[in-house]
Each structure stands twice: as C-alpha cells, then as structure tokens.
Amino acid sequence: MAINDNLLENLGSIIRYHRKKCGINYLELAKLAQVGKTTVFDIEHSKKTIRFNTMLKILDVLNITIELKSPLMSSYKNENS
C-alpha cells in the first residue's frame, strides 16, 4: 500500500468515526457540508479523486483540523510572520 493510500484510508476512517460519534448519516453530513451524499461515501471509502476543497468542507463540519508538520516548519513560521 502506498503512503497516499494509507493516508486516505486513515482519513476516511477518521471521518467515518467522527460522523458516527456525531450521530449523523451520510446525507446529513453531506447537507451540512454542502456536498453530495456520494462524496461523503467516497471519502469514507478512500476514493483517490476527492478534491481537497471538498475534503476541507467535510473536515470543517466535523470540527477536524489539519496540522502541517515538517522539520522546517518553525523556521518557515519565523520567516513568514
């Protein structure tokens, strides 16, 4: 399994977990995020063609944030603040 596949699988699993803990179904999450019901299903099943902005809508509704990490992140923040 490629790194990207593993990342998508983990992200899909995290989204499914949060959706279920919130007590909402595919359709309810789709309406809240203003995306199609099939899109939510595809994300939860690690489909590779999901657009990043669509993923961000789903994450926002579920209160999930993305943190970017790298060895250079602190110097980047210092130089760009």
Protein backbone atom coordinates (compact mmCIF):
# COMPACT_ATOMS: atom_id res chain seq x y z
CA MET A 1 0.00 0.00 0.00
CA ALA A 2 1.40 3.41 -0.97
CA ILE A 3 1.75 6.20 1.56
CA ASN A 4 -1.04 8.19 -0.13
CA ASP A 5 -3.36 5.17 0.02
CA ASN A 6 -2.65 4.74 3.71
CA LEU A 7 -3.24 8.43 4.37
CA LEU A 8 -6.57 8.36 2.50
CA GLU A 9 -7.62 5.21 4.32
CA ASN A 10 -6.81 6.73 7.71
CA LEU A 11 -8.54 9.99 6.86
CA GLY A 12 -11.64 8.15 5.65
CA SER A 13 -11.72 6.12 8.83
CA ILE A 14 -11.33 9.23 10.99
CA ILE A 15 -14.15 10.99 9.16
CA ARG A 16 -16.45 7.95 9.45
CA TYR A 17 -15.67 7.69 13.19
CA HIS A 18 -16.45 11.37 13.80
CA ARG A 19 -19.62 11.25 11.71
CA LYS A 20 -20.93 8.26 13.64
CA LYS A 21 -19.99 9.77 17.02
CA CYS A 22 -21.93 12.89 15.99
CA GLY A 23 -24.92 10.66 15.30
CA ILE A 24 -25.37 11.77 11.70
CA ASN A 25 -25.69 9.76 8.49
CA TYR A 26 -24.13 10.33 5.05
CA LEU A 27 -27.00 12.51 3.88
CA GLU A 28 -26.96 14.74 6.96
CA LEU A 29 -23.20 15.28 6.73
CA ALA A 30 -23.47 15.96 3.01
CA LYS A 31 -26.14 18.60 3.58
CA LEU A 32 -24.16 20.28 6.35
CA ALA A 33 -21.01 20.36 4.19
CA GLN A 34 -22.95 21.26 1.04
CA VAL A 35 -21.59 18.29 -0.90
CA GLY A 36 -23.21 15.23 -2.43
CA LYS A 37 -24.09 12.15 -0.38
CA THR A 38 -21.92 10.05 -2.70
CA THR A 39 -18.98 12.34 -1.95
CA VAL A 40 -19.17 11.52 1.76
CA PHE A 41 -19.33 7.81 0.93
CA ASP A 42 -16.35 8.13 -1.42
CA ILE A 43 -14.25 9.97 1.18
CA GLU A 44 -15.01 7.37 3.85
CA HIS A 45 -14.02 4.64 1.40
CA SER A 46 -10.71 6.29 0.45
CA LYS A 47 -11.53 7.23 -3.13
CA LYS A 48 -8.47 8.93 -4.62
CA THR A 49 -10.26 11.55 -6.74
CA ILE A 50 -11.73 13.67 -3.94
CA ARG A 51 -10.95 17.37 -4.28
CA PHE A 52 -9.07 18.99 -1.44
CA ASN A 53 -11.60 21.81 -1.01
CA THR A 54 -14.37 19.20 -0.73
CA MET A 55 -12.40 17.35 1.93
CA LEU A 56 -11.95 20.63 3.83
CA LYS A 57 -15.73 21.19 3.87
CA ILE A 58 -16.28 17.78 5.45
CA LEU A 59 -13.48 18.28 7.97
CA ASP A 60 -14.85 21.70 8.92
CA VAL A 61 -18.33 20.35 9.63
CA LEU A 62 -16.86 17.62 11.83
CA ASN A 63 -14.52 20.04 13.64
CA ILE A 64 -11.40 18.22 12.42
CA THR A 65 -8.28 20.29 11.77
CA ILE A 66 -5.21 19.50 9.71
CA GLU A 67 -1.79 20.23 11.14
CA LEU A 68 1.16 20.57 8.79
CA LYS A 69 4.46 19.31 10.16
CA SER A 70 7.96 19.36 8.77
CA PRO A 71 11.49 19.85 10.09
CA LEU A 72 11.46 23.33 8.55
CA MET A 73 8.03 24.45 9.81
CA SER A 74 9.30 26.52 12.73
CA SER A 75 11.77 28.43 10.55
CA TYR A 76 9.03 28.91 7.93
CA LYS A 77 6.74 30.41 10.58
CA ASN A 78 9.51 32.69 11.85
CA GLU A 79 10.31 33.95 8.36
CA ASN A 80 6.67 34.42 7.32
CA SER A 81 5.12 36.03 10.37
